Protein backbone atom coordinates (compact mmCIF):
# COMPACT_ATOMS: atom_id res chain seq x y z
CA UNK A 1 -6.93 -58.11 -48.65
CA UNK A 2 -3.48 -59.83 -47.52
CA UNK A 3 -2.63 -60.67 -44.10
CA UNK A 4 0.43 -58.28 -44.92
CA UNK A 5 -1.31 -55.10 -46.09
CA UNK A 6 -3.76 -55.34 -43.57
CA UNK A 7 -0.85 -55.29 -41.02
CA UNK A 8 0.66 -52.54 -42.88
CA UNK A 9 -2.67 -50.75 -42.29
CA UNK A 10 -2.67 -51.17 -38.32
CA UNK A 11 0.95 -50.13 -38.56
CA UNK A 12 -0.04 -46.57 -40.19
CA UNK A 13 -3.49 -46.32 -37.69
CA UNK A 14 -1.02 -46.38 -35.01
CA UNK A 15 1.46 -43.87 -36.05
CA UNK A 16 -1.11 -41.89 -37.26
CA UNK A 17 -2.67 -42.03 -33.54
CA UNK A 18 0.74 -41.25 -32.02
CA UNK A 19 1.20 -38.37 -34.00
CA UNK A 20 -2.05 -37.02 -33.37
CA UNK A 21 -1.46 -37.55 -29.02
CA UNK A 22 1.91 -35.94 -29.76
CA UNK A 23 0.65 -32.73 -31.18
CA UNK A 24 -2.35 -32.57 -28.77
CA UNK A 25 0.16 -32.75 -25.73
CA UNK A 26 2.03 -29.96 -27.40
CA UNK A 27 -0.79 -27.60 -28.21
CA UNK A 28 -1.51 -28.73 -24.48
CA UNK A 29 1.71 -27.64 -23.55
CA UNK A 30 1.58 -24.34 -25.01
CA UNK A 31 -1.24 -23.21 -24.31
CA UNK A 32 -0.40 -24.03 -20.48
CA UNK A 33 2.48 -21.68 -20.95
CA UNK A 34 0.44 -18.82 -22.21
CA UNK A 35 -2.22 -19.11 -19.25
CA UNK A 36 1.24 -18.91 -17.13
CA UNK A 37 2.39 -16.26 -19.28
CA UNK A 38 -1.02 -14.18 -18.98
CA UNK A 39 -1.48 -15.01 -14.80
CA UNK A 40 0.10 -11.99 -13.47
CA UNK A 41 -2.36 -8.97 -14.17
CA UNK A 42 -0.91 -5.70 -12.62
CA UNK A 43 -4.46 -3.87 -13.27
CA UNK A 44 -6.07 -6.99 -11.53
CA UNK A 45 -4.06 -6.94 -8.50
CA UNK A 46 -4.48 -2.91 -8.20
CA UNK A 47 -7.96 -3.09 -8.59
CA UNK A 48 -8.35 -5.98 -5.76
CA UNK A 49 -5.96 -4.78 -3.41
CA UNK A 50 -5.46 -0.97 -3.55
CA UNK A 51 -8.38 -0.15 -1.23
CA UNK A 52 -7.12 -1.93 1.24
CA UNK A 53 -3.89 0.19 1.65
CA UNK A 54 -3.94 2.95 3.72
CA UNK A 55 -1.93 6.37 3.64
CA UNK A 56 -0.13 6.95 7.18
CA UNK A 57 1.14 10.24 8.42
CA UNK A 58 2.96 10.84 12.18
CA UNK A 59 4.03 14.09 12.89
CA UNK A 60 5.51 15.94 16.63
CA UNK A 61 4.17 18.65 17.96
CA UNK A 62 7.21 20.54 16.29
CA UNK A 63 5.95 19.94 12.82
CA UNK A 64 8.37 17.59 11.82
CA UNK A 65 6.80 14.06 10.36
CA UNK A 66 6.86 11.41 7.96
CA UNK A 67 4.32 9.82 5.35
CA UNK A 68 4.24 5.85 5.32
CA UNK A 69 1.82 3.12 3.80
CA UNK A 70 -0.14 0.27 5.60
CA UNK A 71 -2.47 -2.79 5.08
CA UNK A 72 -5.89 -3.48 6.43
CA UNK A 73 -5.94 -6.81 7.89
CA UNK A 74 -9.17 -6.99 9.63
CA UNK A 75 -12.49 -5.71 9.34
CA UNK A 76 -12.30 -4.14 12.63
CA UNK A 77 -9.39 -1.53 11.59
CA UNK A 78 -6.26 -3.28 12.23
CA UNK A 79 -3.42 -1.83 9.87
CA UNK A 80 -0.12 -3.76 9.33
CA UNK A 81 2.99 -1.31 8.55
CA UNK A 82 6.62 -0.66 9.62
CA UNK A 83 7.75 0.57 12.97
CA UNK A 84 10.00 3.57 11.12
CA UNK A 85 6.96 4.92 9.59
CA UNK A 86 5.41 6.01 12.87
CA UNK A 87 8.98 6.67 14.82
CA UNK A 88 10.44 9.95 14.81
CA UNK A 89 13.89 9.53 13.29
CA UNK A 90 15.41 12.24 15.27
CA UNK A 91 14.22 11.23 18.84
CA UNK A 92 13.62 7.57 18.22
CA UNK A 93 10.17 7.92 19.76
CA UNK A 94 6.53 7.38 18.43
CA UNK A 95 5.14 10.07 16.70
CA UNK A 96 2.36 11.99 19.02
CA UNK A 97 0.12 12.55 16.69
CA UNK A 98 -0.77 9.55 14.12
CA UNK A 99 -3.45 9.85 11.17
CA UNK A 100 -4.66 7.28 8.20
CA UNK A 101 -6.47 7.96 5.28
CA UNK A 102 -8.34 5.77 3.40
CA UNK A 103 -8.33 4.84 -0.34
CA UNK A 104 -11.30 7.63 -2.28
CA UNK A 105 -12.63 6.43 -5.35
CA UNK A 106 -11.75 8.03 -7.66
CA UNK A 107 -8.42 9.43 -6.79
CA UNK A 108 -8.07 12.97 -9.08
CA UNK A 109 -4.26 13.92 -8.34
CA UNK A 110 -5.22 16.38 -5.89
CA UNK A 111 -4.20 16.01 -2.47
CA UNK A 112 -6.87 18.46 -1.14
CA UNK A 113 -9.74 16.52 -2.90
CA UNK A 114 -7.91 13.54 -2.46
CA UNK A 115 -7.06 13.78 1.20
CA UNK A 116 -10.19 15.13 3.34
CA UNK A 117 -10.97 12.60 5.82
CA UNK A 118 -8.31 11.26 8.30
CA UNK A 119 -8.68 9.08 10.99
CA UNK A 120 -7.21 8.79 14.54
CA UNK A 121 -5.26 5.20 15.37
CA UNK A 122 -3.80 3.81 18.33
CA UNK A 123 -0.86 1.86 18.08
CA UNK A 124 -1.57 -1.78 19.66
CA UNK A 125 2.37 -3.18 19.15
CA UNK A 126 5.44 -2.79 17.46
CA UNK A 127 8.97 -4.31 17.06
CA UNK A 128 11.51 -2.11 16.12
CA UNK A 129 13.96 -5.21 15.48
CA UNK A 130 11.84 -6.64 13.19
CA UNK A 131 10.43 -3.07 11.91
CA UNK A 132 7.12 -4.12 12.20
CA UNK A 133 4.13 -1.80 13.78
CA UNK A 134 0.31 -2.60 14.48
CA UNK A 135 -2.36 0.11 14.56
CA UNK A 136 -6.14 0.04 15.20
CA UNK A 137 -7.80 2.42 13.30
CA UNK A 138 -10.41 4.48 15.87
CA UNK A 139 -13.95 4.22 14.51
CA UNK A 140 -13.23 2.62 11.58
CA UNK A 141 -15.88 2.48 8.46
CA UNK A 142 -17.72 -0.73 8.42
CA UNK A 143 -16.73 -1.61 4.88
CA UNK A 144 -13.46 -2.14 5.26
CA UNK A 145 -11.88 -5.22 3.24
CA UNK A 146 -8.72 -6.82 4.88
CA UNK A 147 -5.71 -7.77 2.20
CA UNK A 148 -5.45 -11.62 2.42
CA UNK A 149 -1.92 -12.90 3.36
CA UNK A 150 -0.33 -15.65 1.57
CA UNK A 151 2.30 -17.77 2.79
CA UNK A 152 5.36 -16.37 1.89
CA UNK A 153 7.31 -19.83 1.27
CA UNK A 154 5.34 -20.77 -1.36
CA UNK A 155 6.96 -18.01 -3.53
CA UNK A 156 9.62 -18.81 -5.74
CA UNK A 157 12.27 -16.52 -7.05
CA UNK A 158 11.66 -15.35 -10.41
CA UNK A 159 7.73 -14.99 -9.69
CA UNK A 160 5.91 -11.65 -10.71
CA UNK A 161 5.31 -9.29 -7.97
CA UNK A 162 3.61 -5.16 -7.13
CA UNK A 163 3.87 -2.78 -4.70
CA UNK A 164 1.18 -0.10 -3.68
CA UNK A 165 2.20 3.06 -1.79
CA UNK A 166 2.71 6.50 -1.92
CA UNK A 167 5.83 7.29 -3.09
CA UNK A 168 6.51 11.49 -2.74
CA UNK A 169 6.38 12.44 -5.82
CA UNK A 170 4.89 9.93 -7.72
CA UNK A 171 1.49 10.06 -6.57
CA UNK A 172 -0.89 8.39 -4.19
CA UNK A 173 -2.00 4.55 -4.26
CA UNK A 174 -0.13 3.95 -6.80
CA UNK A 175 1.28 0.77 -7.93
CA UNK A 176 5.11 -0.55 -9.08
CA UNK A 177 5.62 -4.04 -10.82
CA UNK A 178 8.77 -6.61 -10.47
CA UNK A 179 10.38 -9.84 -9.63
CA UNK A 180 11.40 -11.63 -6.61
CA UNK A 181 15.36 -11.06 -6.97
CA UNK A 182 16.27 -13.35 -3.97
CA UNK A 183 15.22 -14.87 -0.55
CA UNK A 184 17.55 -14.03 2.31
CA UNK A 185 18.11 -12.98 5.47
CA UNK A 186 18.92 -9.82 7.34
CA UNK A 187 19.65 -10.35 11.26
CA UNK A 188 16.51 -11.51 12.46
CA UNK A 189 14.56 -10.91 9.85
CA UNK A 190 13.56 -13.21 6.53
CA UNK A 191 13.11 -10.74 3.60
CA UNK A 192 12.53 -11.09 0.15
CA UNK A 193 14.81 -8.68 -2.23
CA UNK A 194 12.79 -7.34 -5.58
CA UNK A 195 13.61 -5.22 -8.36
CA UNK A 196 9.99 -3.54 -7.56
CA UNK A 197 10.16 0.16 -7.55
CA UNK A 198 10.01 1.52 -3.87
CA UNK A 199 10.49 5.22 -2.75
CA UNK A 200 10.39 6.84 0.71
CA UNK A 201 6.40 6.64 1.14
CA UNK A 202 6.08 3.03 0.14
CA UNK A 203 7.48 1.74 3.41
CA UNK A 204 5.11 -0.59 5.24
CA UNK A 205 3.07 -1.12 1.88
CA UNK A 206 1.99 -4.64 0.67
CA UNK A 207 4.14 -6.51 -1.51
CA UNK A 208 1.54 -8.48 -3.85
CA UNK A 209 1.49 -11.76 -5.70
CA UNK A 210 -0.56 -12.54 -8.71
CA UNK A 211 -3.54 -13.34 -6.54
CA UNK A 212 -3.63 -10.23 -5.08
CA UNK A 213 -2.48 -11.57 -1.93
CA UNK A 214 0.49 -10.44 0.60
CA UNK A 215 3.55 -11.72 0.15
CA UNK A 216 5.62 -9.30 2.15
CA UNK A 217 6.03 -5.81 3.78
CA UNK A 218 8.19 -3.37 2.01
CA UNK A 219 10.50 -2.12 4.20
CA UNK A 220 14.14 -0.48 3.07
CA UNK A 221 16.09 0.14 -0.28
CA UNK A 222 19.66 0.09 -0.87
CA UNK A 223 20.92 3.19 -2.96
CA UNK A 224 24.88 2.80 -2.74
CA UNK A 225 27.14 0.37 -1.29
CA UNK A 226 29.71 0.49 1.01
CA UNK A 227 31.83 2.16 -1.47
CA UNK A 228 29.38 4.83 -2.15
CA UNK A 229 28.88 3.30 -6.11
CA UNK A 230 25.35 3.84 -7.09
CA UNK A 231 23.04 0.57 -6.81
CA UNK A 232 19.73 0.07 -8.79
CA UNK A 233 17.23 -2.73 -7.99
CA UNK A 234 17.82 -3.29 -4.37
CA UNK A 235 14.53 -3.39 -3.04
CA UNK A 236 13.76 -5.22 0.35
CA UNK A 237 10.69 -6.99 1.91
CA UNK A 238 9.77 -8.71 4.98
CA UNK A 239 8.46 -12.24 3.99
CA UNK A 240 4.96 -12.33 4.98
CA UNK A 241 5.43 -15.80 6.90
CA UNK A 242 7.90 -13.77 8.99
CA UNK A 243 5.02 -10.44 9.78
CA UNK A 244 1.95 -13.24 10.03
CA UNK A 245 3.96 -15.36 13.03
CA UNK A 246 4.59 -11.64 14.75
CA UNK A 247 0.99 -10.33 14.04
CA UNK A 248 -0.74 -13.53 15.69
CA UNK A 249 1.89 -13.33 18.64
CA UNK A 250 0.38 -9.81 19.86
CA UNK A 251 -2.93 -11.93 20.94
CA UNK A 252 -5.41 -8.94 19.56
CA UNK A 253 -6.39 -11.21 16.40
CA UNK A 254 -5.63 -14.12 14.75
CA UNK A 255 -4.88 -14.52 10.98
CA UNK A 256 -4.09 -17.22 8.73
CA UNK A 257 -2.34 -17.61 5.72
CA UNK A 258 -4.09 -18.43 2.71
CA UNK A 259 -2.61 -21.21 0.24
CA UNK A 260 -2.00 -20.73 -3.10
CA UNK A 261 -3.94 -24.02 -3.22
CA UNK A 262 -7.45 -22.80 -1.76
CA UNK A 263 -10.02 -20.56 -3.05
CA UNK A 264 -10.98 -18.04 -0.17
CA UNK A 265 -14.00 -16.34 -2.15
CA UNK A 266 -16.24 -19.53 -2.65
CA UNK A 267 -16.81 -21.85 0.07
CA UNK A 268 -16.11 -25.42 -0.27
CA UNK A 269 -19.06 -28.24 -1.07
CA UNK A 270 -19.70 -30.00 1.83
CA UNK A 271 -18.66 -33.76 1.35
CA UNK A 272 -20.33 -36.01 0.47
CA UNK A 273 -21.44 -34.53 -2.88
CA UNK A 274 -25.08 -35.52 -3.34
CA UNK A 275 -26.95 -35.00 -7.18
CA UNK A 276 -29.15 -31.88 -6.97
CA UNK A 277 -32.58 -32.64 -8.45
CA UNK A 278 -33.31 -30.74 -11.96
CA UNK A 279 -36.79 -29.78 -12.82
CA UNK A 280 -37.49 -30.39 -16.51
CA UNK A 281 -38.02 -26.96 -18.53
CA UNK A 282 -41.01 -29.14 -20.32
CA UNK A 283 -42.29 -30.34 -17.28
CA UNK A 284 -46.35 -29.61 -16.39
CA UNK A 285 -46.42 -26.55 -14.57
CA UNK A 286 -48.59 -28.05 -12.01
CA UNK A 287 -45.94 -30.40 -10.32
CA UNK A 288 -43.32 -27.76 -9.77
CA UNK A 289 -45.43 -26.55 -6.28
CA UNK A 290 -45.37 -30.20 -4.91
CA UNK A 291 -41.81 -30.87 -5.73
CA UNK A 292 -40.87 -27.57 -3.81
CA UNK A 293 -43.27 -28.44 -0.77
CA UNK A 294 -42.58 -31.80 -0.55
CA UNK A 295 -40.66 -32.87 2.18
CA UNK A 296 -37.16 -34.95 1.49
CA UNK A 297 -36.35 -37.56 3.47
CA UNK A 298 -32.59 -37.59 2.86
CA UNK A 299 -31.86 -33.36 2.45
CA UNK A 300 -28.85 -31.34 1.16
CA UNK A 301 -26.67 -30.38 3.64
CA UNK A 302 -26.37 -26.72 4.18
CA UNK A 303 -24.23 -25.04 1.79
CA UNK A 304 -21.79 -22.37 3.29
CA UNK A 305 -22.32 -19.08 2.08
CA UNK A 306 -19.67 -17.24 -0.16
CA UNK A 307 -17.21 -14.87 1.81
CA UNK A 308 -19.05 -11.93 3.23
CA UNK A 309 -16.58 -9.32 1.61
CA UNK A 310 -17.88 -6.19 -0.50
CA UNK A 311 -17.28 -6.41 -3.75
CA UNK A 312 -13.86 -4.91 -5.43
CA UNK A 313 -14.45 -1.18 -5.96
CA UNK A 314 -14.50 0.06 -9.42
CA UNK A 315 -11.55 0.71 -11.85
CA UNK A 316 -10.20 3.82 -11.54
CA UNK A 317 -11.31 6.11 -14.17
CA UNK A 318 -7.97 8.53 -14.57
CA UNK A 319 -5.56 5.76 -13.53
CA UNK A 320 -3.29 5.06 -15.99
CA UNK A 321 0.61 4.44 -16.25
CA UNK A 322 3.11 7.20 -15.89
CA UNK A 323 6.98 7.67 -14.41
CA UNK A 324 7.76 7.81 -11.33
CA UNK A 325 10.61 10.57 -9.52
CA UNK A 326 13.42 8.16 -10.58
CA UNK A 327 11.96 7.32 -13.56
CA UNK A 328 10.15 4.02 -12.68
CA UNK A 329 7.26 2.66 -14.19
CA UNK A 330 4.12 3.24 -11.94
CA UNK A 331 0.49 2.74 -12.39
CA UNK A 332 -2.36 5.02 -10.90
CA UNK A 333 -2.85 8.85 -10.77
CA UNK A 334 0.09 11.05 -10.94
CA UNK A 335 0.56 13.50 -8.55
CA UNK A 336 3.70 15.88 -9.42
CA UNK A 337 2.77 18.57 -8.69
CA UNK A 338 1.89 18.38 -4.88
CA UNK A 339 4.52 16.88 -3.10
CA UNK A 340 3.77 14.65 -0.12
CA UNK A 341 5.24 17.57 2.36
CA UNK A 342 2.57 20.04 1.47
CA UNK A 343 -0.27 16.46 2.20
CA UNK A 344 1.71 16.18 5.45
CA UNK A 345 1.22 20.20 6.13
CA UNK A 346 -2.83 19.38 5.39
CA UNK A 347 -2.74 16.26 7.55
CA UNK A 348 -1.49 18.54 10.37
CA UNK A 349 -4.57 20.79 9.87
CA UNK A 350 -7.15 18.10 9.30
CA UNK A 351 -5.61 16.31 12.25
CA UNK A 352 -5.51 19.71 14.44
CA UNK A 353 -10.01 20.41 13.56
CA UNK A 354 -10.70 16.43 14.01
CA UNK A 355 -8.90 17.11 17.47
CA UNK A 356 -10.97 20.30 17.89
CA UNK A 357 -14.25 18.49 17.02
CA UNK A 358 -13.62 15.82 19.60
CA UNK A 359 -12.96 18.55 22.20
CA UNK A 360 -15.91 20.12 21.43
CA UNK A 361 -17.88 16.91 21.22
CA UNK A 362 -16.64 16.34 24.81
CA UNK A 363 -17.67 19.66 26.05
CA UNK A 364 -21.11 19.54 24.99
CA UNK A 365 -21.66 16.37 26.86
CA UNK A 366 -20.54 17.73 29.99
CA UNK A 367 -22.84 21.04 29.44
CA UNK A 368 -25.51 18.26 28.65
CA UNK A 369 -24.60 16.56 31.76
CA UNK A 370 -24.17 19.59 33.99
CA UNK A 371 -27.93 20.62 32.40
CA UNK A 372 -29.46 16.99 33.44
CA UNK A 373 -28.18 17.70 37.20
CA UNK A 374 -29.13 20.78 37.57
CA UNK A 375 -32.58 19.61 36.37
């Protein structure tokens, strides 16, 4: 073969290699784009987080009341919500009666079946200017799953988010989705503007990212402008970094933001990594006990166990997409026939029964103490 022919063949091989490399890179880019497009799953966010969301009812002795949403942030029953959820708008004072409900599994769509066990709460702290409040559930269940809180500074405009709450006429523990529209400042509050549908009953609930982590506290909406013209898609959430700083200032708990670069469910391997001896499948049976019992001069460092959190609850068998009171697309179990006003009446009845049972317990304890003194 002539020298010129060999040079031509080598050039052709280089061109082919470059072409194949470019094609592979393009395919990787397409896979990456497709992966990013599939990253946000509203159903996964709902399954992972809905059990960390509570329904809050506040009502006065005269009968006035309101409802809202809160997020469980600690295993001992701390709940983050809006101050206006627990405040009587007519008097500006706290509602004297507050109860929360945890999410039932499954949700039937019938409030009489879904709202059966109210829990009393204490108001730990509140800030009317930031519109934040911290509650503690009395005698909270032991299997609570706190929602993880993300660093809202890592969230960009255009990212997909979801809200879970209880919009009146839409149903309990329903999910709506949208995107982050802008970052802005309202007075002393750092907020997200989002087109995720938020309605009365959603206040205080979580705004969640693709990792099922709280990035905002849903707080208020704007329906008309200064001229009275209708507005759409203007919903606002306090950013999680602001809420987290406020929580940690209250001195009752310490919550750290979970960075997107970390995976909280899996503990990091302790450095330095050590090779783990693997016994071949076809090794002699008599060698295995000796290997297991033989002490090692350089043992492996202990591996931190997985985070102690119960597995996520099973998906709701009845959950589906449906249209909310204003035509928004929601996910959950619709509850169009029973409004939250009816649920509020039910909550008052169950609250009264709860107080009566508590009073009866105190009376019974006093009777036992009297019998003991008379013995």
